[in-house]
PDB file of N, CA and C in Angstrom:
ATOM      1  N   UNK A   1     -50.482   0.589 -18.517  1.00  0.00           N
ATOM      2  CA  UNK A   1     -49.045   0.486 -18.537  1.00  0.00           C
ATOM      3  C   UNK A   1     -48.638  -0.287 -19.781  1.00  0.00           C
ATOM      4  N   UNK A   2     -47.672   0.257 -20.498  1.00  0.00           N
ATOM      5  CA  UNK A   2     -47.210  -0.372 -21.728  1.00  0.00           C
ATOM      6  C   UNK A   2     -45.879  -1.062 -21.451  1.00  0.00           C
ATOM      7  N   UNK A   3     -45.830  -2.337 -21.701  1.00  0.00           N
ATOM      8  CA  UNK A   3     -44.605  -3.102 -21.509  1.00  0.00           C
ATOM      9  C   UNK A   3     -43.931  -3.309 -22.852  1.00  0.00           C
ATOM     10  N   UNK A   4     -42.605  -3.297 -22.889  1.00  0.00           N
ATOM     11  CA  UNK A   4     -41.928  -3.533 -24.164  1.00  0.00           C
ATOM     12  C   UNK A   4     -42.100  -4.980 -24.603  1.00  0.00           C
ATOM     13  N   UNK A   5     -42.062  -5.161 -25.888  1.00  0.00           N
ATOM     14  CA  UNK A   5     -42.122  -6.508 -26.444  1.00  0.00           C
ATOM     15  C   UNK A   5     -40.898  -7.278 -25.957  1.00  0.00           C
ATOM     16  N   UNK A   6     -41.027  -8.566 -25.664  1.00  0.00           N
ATOM     17  CA  UNK A   6     -39.874  -9.321 -25.143  1.00  0.00           C
ATOM     18  C   UNK A   6     -38.635  -9.246 -26.031  1.00  0.00           C
ATOM     19  N   UNK A   7     -38.813  -9.113 -27.337  1.00  0.00           N
ATOM     20  CA  UNK A   7     -37.661  -9.026 -28.229  1.00  0.00           C
ATOM     21  C   UNK A   7     -36.979  -7.662 -28.144  1.00  0.00           C
ATOM     22  N   UNK A   8     -37.667  -6.659 -27.610  1.00  0.00           N
ATOM     23  CA  UNK A   8     -37.080  -5.329 -27.469  1.00  0.00           C
ATOM     24  C   UNK A   8     -36.516  -5.088 -26.075  1.00  0.00           C
ATOM     25  N   UNK A   9     -36.733  -6.020 -25.178  1.00  0.00           N
ATOM     26  CA  UNK A   9     -36.276  -5.846 -23.805  1.00  0.00           C
ATOM     27  C   UNK A   9     -34.755  -5.758 -23.721  1.00  0.00           C
ATOM     28  N   UNK A  10     -34.062  -6.460 -24.604  1.00  0.00           N
ATOM     29  CA  UNK A  10     -32.599  -6.403 -24.564  1.00  0.00           C
ATOM     30  C   UNK A  10     -32.083  -4.998 -24.832  1.00  0.00           C
ATOM     31  N   UNK A  11     -32.804  -4.203 -25.617  1.00  0.00           N
ATOM     32  CA  UNK A  11     -32.385  -2.823 -25.876  1.00  0.00           C
ATOM     33  C   UNK A  11     -32.467  -1.988 -24.604  1.00  0.00           C
ATOM     34  N   UNK A  12     -33.496  -2.217 -23.821  1.00  0.00           N
ATOM     35  CA  UNK A  12     -33.635  -1.489 -22.557  1.00  0.00           C
ATOM     36  C   UNK A  12     -32.514  -1.887 -21.605  1.00  0.00           C
ATOM     37  N   UNK A  13     -32.242  -3.171 -21.531  1.00  0.00           N
ATOM     38  CA  UNK A  13     -31.207  -3.653 -20.618  1.00  0.00           C
ATOM     39  C   UNK A  13     -29.814  -3.229 -21.058  1.00  0.00           C
ATOM     40  N   UNK A  14     -29.579  -3.121 -22.360  1.00  0.00           N
ATOM     41  CA  UNK A  14     -28.273  -2.683 -22.840  1.00  0.00           C
ATOM     42  C   UNK A  14     -27.970  -1.256 -22.406  1.00  0.00           C
ATOM     43  N   UNK A  15     -29.000  -0.422 -22.301  1.00  0.00           N
ATOM     44  CA  UNK A  15     -28.785   0.956 -21.875  1.00  0.00           C
ATOM     45  C   UNK A  15     -28.622   1.054 -20.369  1.00  0.00           C
ATOM     46  N   UNK A  16     -29.203   0.151 -19.632  1.00  0.00           N
ATOM     47  CA  UNK A  16     -29.110   0.191 -18.172  1.00  0.00           C
ATOM     48  C   UNK A  16     -27.796  -0.388 -17.667  1.00  0.00           C
ATOM     49  N   UNK A  17     -27.195  -1.276 -18.406  1.00  0.00           N
ATOM     50  CA  UNK A  17     -26.000  -1.967 -17.929  1.00  0.00           C
ATOM     51  C   UNK A  17     -24.787  -1.060 -17.733  1.00  0.00           C
ATOM     52  N   UNK A  18     -24.459  -0.137 -18.648  1.00  0.00           N
ATOM     53  CA  UNK A  18     -23.258   0.673 -18.436  1.00  0.00           C
ATOM     54  C   UNK A  18     -23.297   1.502 -17.159  1.00  0.00           C
ATOM     55  N   UNK A  19     -24.461   1.991 -16.762  1.00  0.00           N
ATOM     56  CA  UNK A  19     -24.541   2.772 -15.530  1.00  0.00           C
ATOM     57  C   UNK A  19     -24.208   1.912 -14.326  1.00  0.00           C
ATOM     58  N   UNK A  20     -24.695   0.696 -14.309  1.00  0.00           N
ATOM     59  CA  UNK A  20     -24.391  -0.165 -13.171  1.00  0.00           C
ATOM     60  C   UNK A  20     -22.925  -0.572 -13.181  1.00  0.00           C
ATOM     61  N   UNK A  21     -22.336  -0.725 -14.346  1.00  0.00           N
ATOM     62  CA  UNK A  21     -20.909  -1.043 -14.415  1.00  0.00           C
ATOM     63  C   UNK A  21     -20.073   0.096 -13.864  1.00  0.00           C
ATOM     64  N   UNK A  22     -20.476   1.324 -14.141  1.00  0.00           N
ATOM     65  CA  UNK A  22     -19.736   2.476 -13.641  1.00  0.00           C
ATOM     66  C   UNK A  22     -19.755   2.540 -12.132  1.00  0.00           C
ATOM     67  N   UNK A  23     -20.903   2.294 -11.545  1.00  0.00           N
ATOM     68  CA  UNK A  23     -20.983   2.277 -10.081  1.00  0.00           C
ATOM     69  C   UNK A  23     -20.142   1.150  -9.519  1.00  0.00           C
ATOM     70  N   UNK A  24     -20.221  -0.010 -10.144  1.00  0.00           N
ATOM     71  CA  UNK A  24     -19.474  -1.153  -9.638  1.00  0.00           C
ATOM     72  C   UNK A  24     -17.976  -0.906  -9.770  1.00  0.00           C
ATOM     73  N   UNK A  25     -17.549  -0.324 -10.875  1.00  0.00           N
ATOM     74  CA  UNK A  25     -16.121  -0.067 -11.054  1.00  0.00           C
ATOM     75  C   UNK A  25     -15.636   0.969 -10.048  1.00  0.00           C
ATOM     76  N   UNK A  26     -16.495   1.934  -9.744  1.00  0.00           N
ATOM     77  CA  UNK A  26     -16.105   2.944  -8.771  1.00  0.00           C
ATOM     78  C   UNK A  26     -15.996   2.408  -7.364  1.00  0.00           C
ATOM     79  N   UNK A  27     -16.822   1.436  -7.021  1.00  0.00           N
ATOM     80  CA  UNK A  27     -16.790   0.903  -5.663  1.00  0.00           C
ATOM     81  C   UNK A  27     -15.976  -0.362  -5.546  1.00  0.00           C
ATOM     82  N   UNK A  28     -15.860  -1.127  -6.605  1.00  0.00           N
ATOM     83  CA  UNK A  28     -15.111  -2.376  -6.563  1.00  0.00           C
ATOM     84  C   UNK A  28     -13.807  -2.282  -7.327  1.00  0.00           C
ATOM     85  N   UNK A  29     -13.334  -1.089  -7.558  1.00  0.00           N
ATOM     86  CA  UNK A  29     -12.130  -0.935  -8.356  1.00  0.00           C
ATOM     87  C   UNK A  29     -10.908  -1.604  -7.760  1.00  0.00           C
ATOM     88  N   UNK A  30     -10.873  -1.743  -6.448  1.00  0.00           N
ATOM     89  CA  UNK A  30      -9.697  -2.338  -5.804  1.00  0.00           C
ATOM     90  C   UNK A  30      -9.523  -3.802  -6.158  1.00  0.00           C
ATOM     91  N   UNK A  31     -10.553  -4.463  -6.571  1.00  0.00           N
ATOM     92  CA  UNK A  31     -10.397  -5.886  -6.869  1.00  0.00           C
ATOM     93  C   UNK A  31      -9.665  -6.120  -8.191  1.00  0.00           C
ATOM     94  N   UNK A  32      -9.457  -5.076  -8.977  1.00  0.00           N
ATOM     95  CA  UNK A  32      -8.770  -5.223 -10.252  1.00  0.00           C
ATOM     96  C   UNK A  32      -7.275  -4.946 -10.154  1.00  0.00           C
ATOM     97  N   UNK A  33      -6.772  -4.660  -8.954  1.00  0.00           N
ATOM     98  CA  UNK A  33      -5.341  -4.436  -8.796  1.00  0.00           C
ATOM     99  C   UNK A  33      -4.595  -5.734  -8.994  1.00  0.00           C
ATOM    100  N   UNK A  34      -3.401  -5.606  -9.504  1.00  0.00           N
ATOM    101  CA  UNK A  34      -2.520  -6.765  -9.602  1.00  0.00           C
ATOM    102  C   UNK A  34      -1.978  -7.070  -8.211  1.00  0.00           C
ATOM    103  N   UNK A  35      -1.415  -8.255  -8.012  1.00  0.00           N
ATOM    104  CA  UNK A  35      -0.777  -8.521  -6.715  1.00  0.00           C
ATOM    105  C   UNK A  35       0.314  -7.487  -6.447  1.00  0.00           C
ATOM    106  N   UNK A  36       0.491  -7.156  -5.205  1.00  0.00           N
ATOM    107  CA  UNK A  36       1.442  -6.100  -4.864  1.00  0.00           C
ATOM    108  C   UNK A  36       2.870  -6.426  -5.268  1.00  0.00           C
ATOM    109  N   UNK A  37       3.177  -7.682  -5.451  1.00  0.00           N
ATOM    110  CA  UNK A  37       4.551  -8.064  -5.772  1.00  0.00           C
ATOM    111  C   UNK A  37       4.983  -7.627  -7.169  1.00  0.00           C
ATOM    112  N   UNK A  38       4.055  -7.281  -8.049  1.00  0.00           N
ATOM    113  CA  UNK A  38       4.445  -6.834  -9.388  1.00  0.00           C
ATOM    114  C   UNK A  38       4.848  -5.365  -9.401  1.00  0.00           C
ATOM    115  N   UNK A  39       4.561  -4.643  -8.325  1.00  0.00           N
ATOM    116  CA  UNK A  39       4.904  -3.229  -8.250  1.00  0.00           C
ATOM    117  C   UNK A  39       6.280  -3.047  -7.619  1.00  0.00           C
ATOM    118  N   UNK A  40       6.968  -1.948  -7.938  1.00  0.00           N
ATOM    119  CA  UNK A  40       8.230  -1.654  -7.256  1.00  0.00           C
ATOM    120  C   UNK A  40       7.994  -1.369  -5.766  1.00  0.00           C
ATOM    121  N   UNK A  41       9.054  -1.394  -4.986  1.00  0.00           N
ATOM    122  CA  UNK A  41       8.923  -1.311  -3.531  1.00  0.00           C
ATOM    123  C   UNK A  41       8.234  -0.036  -3.071  1.00  0.00           C
ATOM    124  N   UNK A  42       8.448   1.102  -3.764  1.00  0.00           N
ATOM    125  CA  UNK A  42       7.821   2.345  -3.314  1.00  0.00           C
ATOM    126  C   UNK A  42       6.305   2.310  -3.521  1.00  0.00           C
ATOM    127  N   UNK A  43       5.816   1.663  -4.574  1.00  0.00           N
ATOM    128  CA  UNK A  43       4.370   1.519  -4.741  1.00  0.00           C
ATOM    129  C   UNK A  43       3.804   0.476  -3.777  1.00  0.00           C
ATOM    130  N   UNK A  44       4.585  -0.552  -3.470  1.00  0.00           N
ATOM    131  CA  UNK A  44       4.151  -1.520  -2.463  1.00  0.00           C
ATOM    132  C   UNK A  44       3.958  -0.824  -1.121  1.00  0.00           C
ATOM    133  N   UNK A  45       4.904   0.036  -0.760  1.00  0.00           N
ATOM    134  CA  UNK A  45       4.794   0.768   0.501  1.00  0.00           C
ATOM    135  C   UNK A  45       3.607   1.723   0.476  1.00  0.00           C
ATOM    136  N   UNK A  46       3.377   2.387  -0.661  1.00  0.00           N
ATOM    137  CA  UNK A  46       2.248   3.303  -0.787  1.00  0.00           C
ATOM    138  C   UNK A  46       0.924   2.563  -0.638  1.00  0.00           C
ATOM    139  N   UNK A  47       0.792   1.423  -1.322  1.00  0.00           N
ATOM    140  CA  UNK A  47      -0.459   0.661  -1.273  1.00  0.00           C
ATOM    141  C   UNK A  47      -0.594  -0.172   0.001  1.00  0.00           C
ATOM    142  N   UNK A  48       0.430  -0.158   0.834  1.00  0.00           N
ATOM    143  CA  UNK A  48       0.349  -0.873   2.102  1.00  0.00           C
ATOM    144  C   UNK A  48       0.139   0.077   3.266  1.00  0.00           C
ATOM    145  N   UNK A  49       0.860   1.191   3.292  1.00  0.00           N
ATOM    146  CA  UNK A  49       0.831   2.051   4.468  1.00  0.00           C
ATOM    147  C   UNK A  49       0.083   3.361   4.270  1.00  0.00           C
ATOM    148  N   UNK A  50       0.120   3.951   3.093  1.00  0.00           N
ATOM    149  CA  UNK A  50      -0.572   5.223   2.868  1.00  0.00           C
ATOM    150  C   UNK A  50      -2.026   4.975   2.490  1.00  0.00           C
ATOM    151  N   UNK A  51      -2.244   4.157   1.507  1.00  0.00           N
ATOM    152  CA  UNK A  51      -3.582   3.754   1.072  1.00  0.00           C
ATOM    153  C   UNK A  51      -3.647   2.242   1.292  1.00  0.00           C
ATOM    154  N   UNK A  52      -4.057   1.783   2.446  1.00  0.00           N
ATOM    155  CA  UNK A  52      -3.826   0.379   2.832  1.00  0.00           C
ATOM    156  C   UNK A  52      -4.686  -0.640   2.088  1.00  0.00           C
ATOM    157  N   UNK A  53      -4.612  -0.627   0.766  1.00  0.00           N
ATOM    158  CA  UNK A  53      -5.379  -1.595  -0.017  1.00  0.00           C
ATOM    159  C   UNK A  53      -4.802  -3.003   0.080  1.00  0.00           C
ATOM    160  N   UNK A  54      -3.520  -3.115   0.344  1.00  0.00           N
ATOM    161  CA  UNK A  54      -2.912  -4.433   0.500  1.00  0.00           C
ATOM    162  C   UNK A  54      -3.484  -5.189   1.680  1.00  0.00           C
ATOM    163  N   UNK A  55      -3.887  -4.456   2.711  1.00  0.00           N
ATOM    164  CA  UNK A  55      -4.452  -5.096   3.895  1.00  0.00           C
ATOM    165  C   UNK A  55      -5.881  -5.565   3.674  1.00  0.00           C
ATOM    166  N   UNK A  56      -6.531  -5.084   2.629  1.00  0.00           N
ATOM    167  CA  UNK A  56      -7.908  -5.492   2.352  1.00  0.00           C
ATOM    168  C   UNK A  56      -7.960  -6.893   1.774  1.00  0.00           C
ATOM    169  N   UNK A  57      -7.062  -7.209   0.877  1.00  0.00           N
ATOM    170  CA  UNK A  57      -7.167  -8.501   0.227  1.00  0.00           C
ATOM    171  C   UNK A  57      -5.868  -9.245   0.015  1.00  0.00           C
ATOM    172  N   UNK A  58      -4.802  -8.529  -0.337  1.00  0.00           N
ATOM    173  CA  UNK A  58      -3.579  -9.215  -0.748  1.00  0.00           C
ATOM    174  C   UNK A  58      -2.912  -9.961   0.399  1.00  0.00           C
ATOM    175  N   UNK A  59      -2.608  -9.274   1.484  1.00  0.00           N
ATOM    176  CA  UNK A  59      -1.905  -9.925   2.590  1.00  0.00           C
ATOM    177  C   UNK A  59      -2.759 -10.979   3.291  1.00  0.00           C
ATOM    178  N   UNK A  60      -4.043 -10.717   3.560  1.00  0.00           N
ATOM    179  CA  UNK A  60      -4.853 -11.798   4.148  1.00  0.00           C
ATOM    180  C   UNK A  60      -4.987 -13.007   3.221  1.00  0.00           C
ATOM    181  N   UNK A  61      -5.087 -12.774   1.912  1.00  0.00           N
ATOM    182  CA  UNK A  61      -5.205 -13.902   0.976  1.00  0.00           C
ATOM    183  C   UNK A  61      -3.925 -14.723   0.951  1.00  0.00           C
ATOM    184  N   UNK A  62      -2.780 -14.057   0.963  1.00  0.00           N
ATOM    185  CA  UNK A  62      -1.506 -14.795   0.995  1.00  0.00           C
ATOM    186  C   UNK A  62      -1.401 -15.629   2.260  1.00  0.00           C
ATOM    187  N   UNK A  63      -1.796 -15.061   3.384  1.00  0.00           N
ATOM    188  CA  UNK A  63      -1.725 -15.793   4.647  1.00  0.00           C
ATOM    189  C   UNK A  63      -2.714 -16.953   4.660  1.00  0.00           C
ATOM    190  N   UNK A  64      -3.924 -16.718   4.166  1.00  0.00           N
ATOM    191  CA  UNK A  64      -4.954 -17.757   4.137  1.00  0.00           C
ATOM    192  C   UNK A  64      -4.547 -18.915   3.230  1.00  0.00           C
ATOM    193  N   UNK A  65      -3.913 -18.601   2.108  1.00  0.00           N
ATOM    194  CA  UNK A  65      -3.488 -19.635   1.169  1.00  0.00           C
ATOM    195  C   UNK A  65      -2.149 -20.262   1.539  1.00  0.00           C
ATOM    196  N   UNK A  66      -1.531 -19.758   2.597  1.00  0.00           N
ATOM    197  CA  UNK A  66      -0.260 -20.315   3.042  1.00  0.00           C
ATOM    198  C   UNK A  66       0.910 -19.962   2.146  1.00  0.00           C
ATOM    199  N   UNK A  67       0.787 -18.880   1.400  1.00  0.00           N
ATOM    200  CA  UNK A  67       1.856 -18.451   0.502  1.00  0.00           C
ATOM    201  C   UNK A  67       2.551 -17.231   1.082  1.00  0.00           C
ATOM    202  N   UNK A  68       3.815 -17.107   0.787  1.00  0.00           N
ATOM    203  CA  UNK A  68       4.557 -15.934   1.220  1.00  0.00           C
ATOM    204  C   UNK A  68       4.167 -14.755   0.335  1.00  0.00           C
ATOM    205  N   UNK A  69       4.071 -13.580   0.932  1.00  0.00           N
ATOM    206  CA  UNK A  69       3.721 -12.394   0.153  1.00  0.00           C
ATOM    207  C   UNK A  69       4.863 -11.990  -0.771  1.00  0.00           C
ATOM    208  N   UNK A  70       6.096 -12.362  -0.443  1.00  0.00           N
ATOM    209  CA  UNK A  70       7.281 -12.062  -1.258  1.00  0.00           C
ATOM    210  C   UNK A  70       7.386 -10.591  -1.632  1.00  0.00           C
ATOM    211  N   UNK A  71       7.001  -9.729  -0.737  1.00  0.00           N
ATOM    212  CA  UNK A  71       7.173  -8.304  -0.994  1.00  0.00           C
ATOM    213  C   UNK A  71       8.549  -7.885  -0.519  1.00  0.00           C
ATOM    214  N   UNK A  72       8.962  -6.720  -0.933  1.00  0.00           N
ATOM    215  CA  UNK A  72      10.258  -6.219  -0.487  1.00  0.00           C
ATOM    216  C   UNK A  72      10.131  -5.451   0.819  1.00  0.00           C
ATOM    217  N   UNK A  73       8.993  -5.585   1.489  1.00  0.00           N
ATOM    218  CA  UNK A  73       8.798  -4.942   2.780  1.00  0.00           C
ATOM    219  C   UNK A  73       9.315  -5.864   3.881  1.00  0.00           C
ATOM    220  N   UNK A  74       9.886  -5.300   4.941  1.00  0.00           N
ATOM    221  CA  UNK A  74      10.596  -6.133   5.912  1.00  0.00           C
ATOM    222  C   UNK A  74       9.732  -6.911   6.894  1.00  0.00           C
ATOM    223  N   UNK A  75       8.457  -6.670   6.995  1.00  0.00           N
ATOM    224  CA  UNK A  75       7.655  -7.340   8.012  1.00  0.00           C
ATOM    225  C   UNK A  75       6.733  -8.397   7.433  1.00  0.00           C
ATOM    226  N   UNK A  76       6.220  -9.217   8.327  1.00  0.00           N
ATOM    227  CA  UNK A  76       5.151 -10.133   7.929  1.00  0.00           C
ATOM    228  C   UNK A  76       3.846  -9.356   8.101  1.00  0.00           C
ATOM    229  N   UNK A  77       3.462  -8.653   7.062  1.00  0.00           N
ATOM    230  CA  UNK A  77       2.382  -7.678   7.174  1.00  0.00           C
ATOM    231  C   UNK A  77       1.002  -8.296   7.337  1.00  0.00           C
ATOM    232  N   UNK A  78       0.828  -9.557   7.029  1.00  0.00           N
ATOM    233  CA  UNK A  78      -0.491 -10.174   7.207  1.00  0.00           C
ATOM    234  C   UNK A  78      -0.894 -10.179   8.671  1.00  0.00           C
ATOM    235  N   UNK A  79       0.069 -10.255   9.561  1.00  0.00           N
ATOM    236  CA  UNK A  79      -0.233 -10.254  10.990  1.00  0.00           C
ATOM    237  C   UNK A  79      -0.687  -8.884  11.481  1.00  0.00           C
ATOM    238  N   UNK A  80      -0.389  -7.856  10.720  1.00  0.00           N
ATOM    239  CA  UNK A  80      -0.759  -6.498  11.102  1.00  0.00           C
ATOM    240  C   UNK A  80      -2.147  -6.097  10.609  1.00  0.00           C
ATOM    241  N   UNK A  81      -2.807  -6.946   9.854  1.00  0.00           N
ATOM    242  CA  UNK A  81      -4.096  -6.580   9.261  1.00  0.00           C
ATOM    243  C   UNK A  81      -5.137  -6.141  10.291  1.00  0.00           C
ATOM    244  N   UNK A  82      -5.369  -6.865  11.391  1.00  0.00           N
ATOM    245  CA  UNK A  82      -6.361  -6.382  12.368  1.00  0.00           C
ATOM    246  C   UNK A  82      -5.979  -5.038  12.985  1.00  0.00           C
ATOM    247  N   UNK A  83      -4.703  -4.835  13.262  1.00  0.00           N
ATOM    248  CA  UNK A  83      -4.274  -3.567  13.851  1.00  0.00           C
ATOM    249  C   UNK A  83      -4.461  -2.415  12.871  1.00  0.00           C
ATOM    250  N   UNK A  84      -4.163  -2.655  11.606  1.00  0.00           N
ATOM    251  CA  UNK A  84      -4.350  -1.609  10.596  1.00  0.00           C
ATOM    252  C   UNK A  84      -5.835  -1.301  10.438  1.00  0.00           C
ATOM    253  N   UNK A  85      -6.675  -2.325  10.454  1.00  0.00           N
ATOM    254  CA  UNK A  85      -8.119  -2.100  10.378  1.00  0.00           C
ATOM    255  C   UNK A  85      -8.622  -1.265  11.539  1.00  0.00           C
ATOM    256  N   UNK A  86      -8.156  -1.563  12.745  1.00  0.00           N
ATOM    257  CA  UNK A  86      -8.560  -0.790  13.922  1.00  0.00           C
ATOM    258  C   UNK A  86      -8.049   0.645  13.836  1.00  0.00           C
ATOM    259  N   UNK A  87      -6.812   0.820  13.381  1.00  0.00           N
ATOM    260  CA  UNK A  87      -6.252   2.169  13.249  1.00  0.00           C
ATOM    261  C   UNK A  87      -7.016   2.984  12.212  1.00  0.00           C
ATOM    262  N   UNK A  88      -7.389   2.365  11.102  1.00  0.00           N
ATOM    263  CA  UNK A  88      -8.144   3.084  10.075  1.00  0.00           C
ATOM    264  C   UNK A  88      -9.544   3.435  10.571  1.00  0.00           C
ATOM    265  N   UNK A  89     -10.135   2.565  11.390  1.00  0.00           N
ATOM    266  CA  UNK A  89     -11.442   2.870  11.980  1.00  0.00           C
ATOM    267  C   UNK A  89     -11.340   4.069  12.907  1.00  0.00           C
ATOM    268  N   UNK A  90     -10.317   4.097  13.755  1.00  0.00           N
ATOM    269  CA  UNK A  90     -10.121   5.228  14.667  1.00  0.00           C
ATOM    270  C   UNK A  90      -9.892   6.511  13.873  1.00  0.00           C
ATOM    271  N   UNK A  91      -9.087   6.439  12.827  1.00  0.00           N
ATOM    272  CA  UNK A  91      -8.839   7.611  11.990  1.00  0.00           C
ATOM    273  C   UNK A  91     -10.124   8.090  11.317  1.00  0.00           C
ATOM    274  N   UNK A  92     -10.910   7.170  10.782  1.00  0.00           N
ATOM    275  CA  UNK A  92     -12.163   7.543  10.117  1.00  0.00           C
ATOM    276  C   UNK A  92     -13.141   8.170  11.106  1.00  0.00           C
ATOM    277  N   UNK A  93     -13.223   7.620  12.320  1.00  0.00           N
ATOM    278  CA  UNK A  93     -14.117   8.193  13.331  1.00  0.00           C
ATOM    279  C   UNK A  93     -13.650   9.579  13.763  1.00  0.00           C
ATOM    280  N   UNK A  94     -12.340   9.793  13.847  1.00  0.00           N
ATOM    281  CA  UNK A  94     -11.815  11.109  14.211  1.00  0.00           C
ATOM    282  C   UNK A  94     -12.116  12.137  13.123  1.00  0.00           C
ATOM    283  N   UNK A  95     -11.949  11.758  11.877  1.00  0.00           N
ATOM    284  CA  UNK A  95     -12.259  12.674  10.770  1.00  0.00           C
ATOM    285  C   UNK A  95     -13.755  12.975  10.741  1.00  0.00           C
ATOM    286  N   UNK A  96     -14.580  11.967  10.975  1.00  0.00           N
ATOM    287  CA  UNK A  96     -16.030  12.164  10.998  1.00  0.00           C
ATOM    288  C   UNK A  96     -16.431  13.095  12.141  1.00  0.00           C
ATOM    289  N   UNK A  97     -15.851  12.893  13.328  1.00  0.00           N
ATOM    290  CA  UNK A  97     -16.167  13.750  14.478  1.00  0.00           C
ATOM    291  C   UNK A  97     -15.729  15.188  14.223  1.00  0.00           C
ATOM    292  N   UNK A  98     -14.568  15.374  13.590  1.00  0.00           N
ATOM    293  CA  UNK A  98     -14.115  16.725  13.260  1.00  0.00           C
ATOM    294  C   UNK A  98     -15.064  17.384  12.264  1.00  0.00           C
ATOM    295  N   UNK A  99     -15.557  16.616  11.326  1.00  0.00           N
ATOM    296  CA  UNK A  99     -16.526  17.157  10.375  1.00  0.00           C
ATOM    297  C   UNK A  99     -17.832  17.541  11.042  1.00  0.00           C
ATOM    298  N   UNK A 100     -18.273  16.737  12.007  1.00  0.00           N
ATOM    299  CA  UNK A 100     -19.500  17.074  12.734  1.00  0.00           C
ATOM    300  C   UNK A 100     -19.330  18.340  13.566  1.00  0.00           C
ATOM    301  N   UNK A 101     -18.159  18.545  14.157  1.00  0.00           N
ATOM    302  CA  UNK A 101     -17.926  19.750  14.957  1.00  0.00           C
ATOM    303  C   UNK A 101     -17.948  21.005  14.090  1.00  0.00           C
ATOM    304  N   UNK A 102     -17.496  20.900  12.859  1.00  0.00           N
ATOM    305  CA  UNK A 102     -17.442  22.070  11.979  1.00  0.00           C
ATOM    306  C   UNK A 102     -18.703  22.253  11.142  1.00  0.00           C
ATOM    307  N   UNK A 103     -19.634  21.343  11.240  1.00  0.00           N
ATOM    308  CA  UNK A 103     -20.838  21.399  10.421  1.00  0.00           C
ATOM    309  C   UNK A 103     -21.704  22.575  10.842  1.00  0.00           C
ATOM    310  N   UNK A 104     -22.185  23.299   9.861  1.00  0.00           N
ATOM    311  CA  UNK A 104     -23.147  24.370  10.092  1.00  0.00           C
ATOM    312  C   UNK A 104     -24.356  24.087   9.233  1.00  0.00           C
ATOM    313  N   UNK A 105     -25.502  24.151   9.827  1.00  0.00           N
ATOM    314  CA  UNK A 105     -26.733  23.833   9.118  1.00  0.00           C
ATOM    315  C   UNK A 105     -26.987  24.842   8.006  1.00  0.00           C
ATOM    316  N   UNK A 106     -27.586  24.365   6.940  1.00  0.00           N
ATOM    317  CA  UNK A 106     -27.921  25.258   5.834  1.00  0.00           C
ATOM    318  C   UNK A 106     -29.202  26.027   6.120  1.00  0.00           C
ATOM    319  N   UNK A 107     -30.000  25.531   7.041  1.00  0.00           N
ATOM    320  CA  UNK A 107     -31.274  26.178   7.361  1.00  0.00           C
ATOM    321  C   UNK A 107     -31.120  27.243   8.427  1.00  0.00           C
ATOM    322  N   UNK A 108     -32.263  27.826   8.812  1.00  0.00           N
ATOM    323  CA  UNK A 108     -32.198  28.896   9.812  1.00  0.00           C
ATOM    324  C   UNK A 108     -32.395  28.392  11.208  1.00  0.00           C
TER     325      UNK A 108
END
C-alpha cells in the first residue's frame, strides 16, 4: 500500500472537502435561513405553515431565549411546535403507507 507523503496529504483532503460540503449544505441548508422576521408576512406564513421550517428552530429558539418572535402572524406559534411536529409525523406516515400500498416489486 502506497501512502501519500504528509506534505501531499492536503491535496487529497482539498478534493474530498467540496463533496462533503455539498452533502452538508443539502441536509443542513435550513440552518442558513435568516430569522423569519426579516421576511414579509406571506413568506413567514409559507415557512411556518406550508413548509414548517420555522417550527424547527426559529419559534422554539425565541421561546427558549425568552424573546418575542415579533412576526406578523396572529398566534403564539412556539406553543404549537409539538402539535405541528405530531401532525407532520402523521402526514409523513400516511404518505409512506400510501407509497407502500402502490409499490410493485421490480423482480418476478
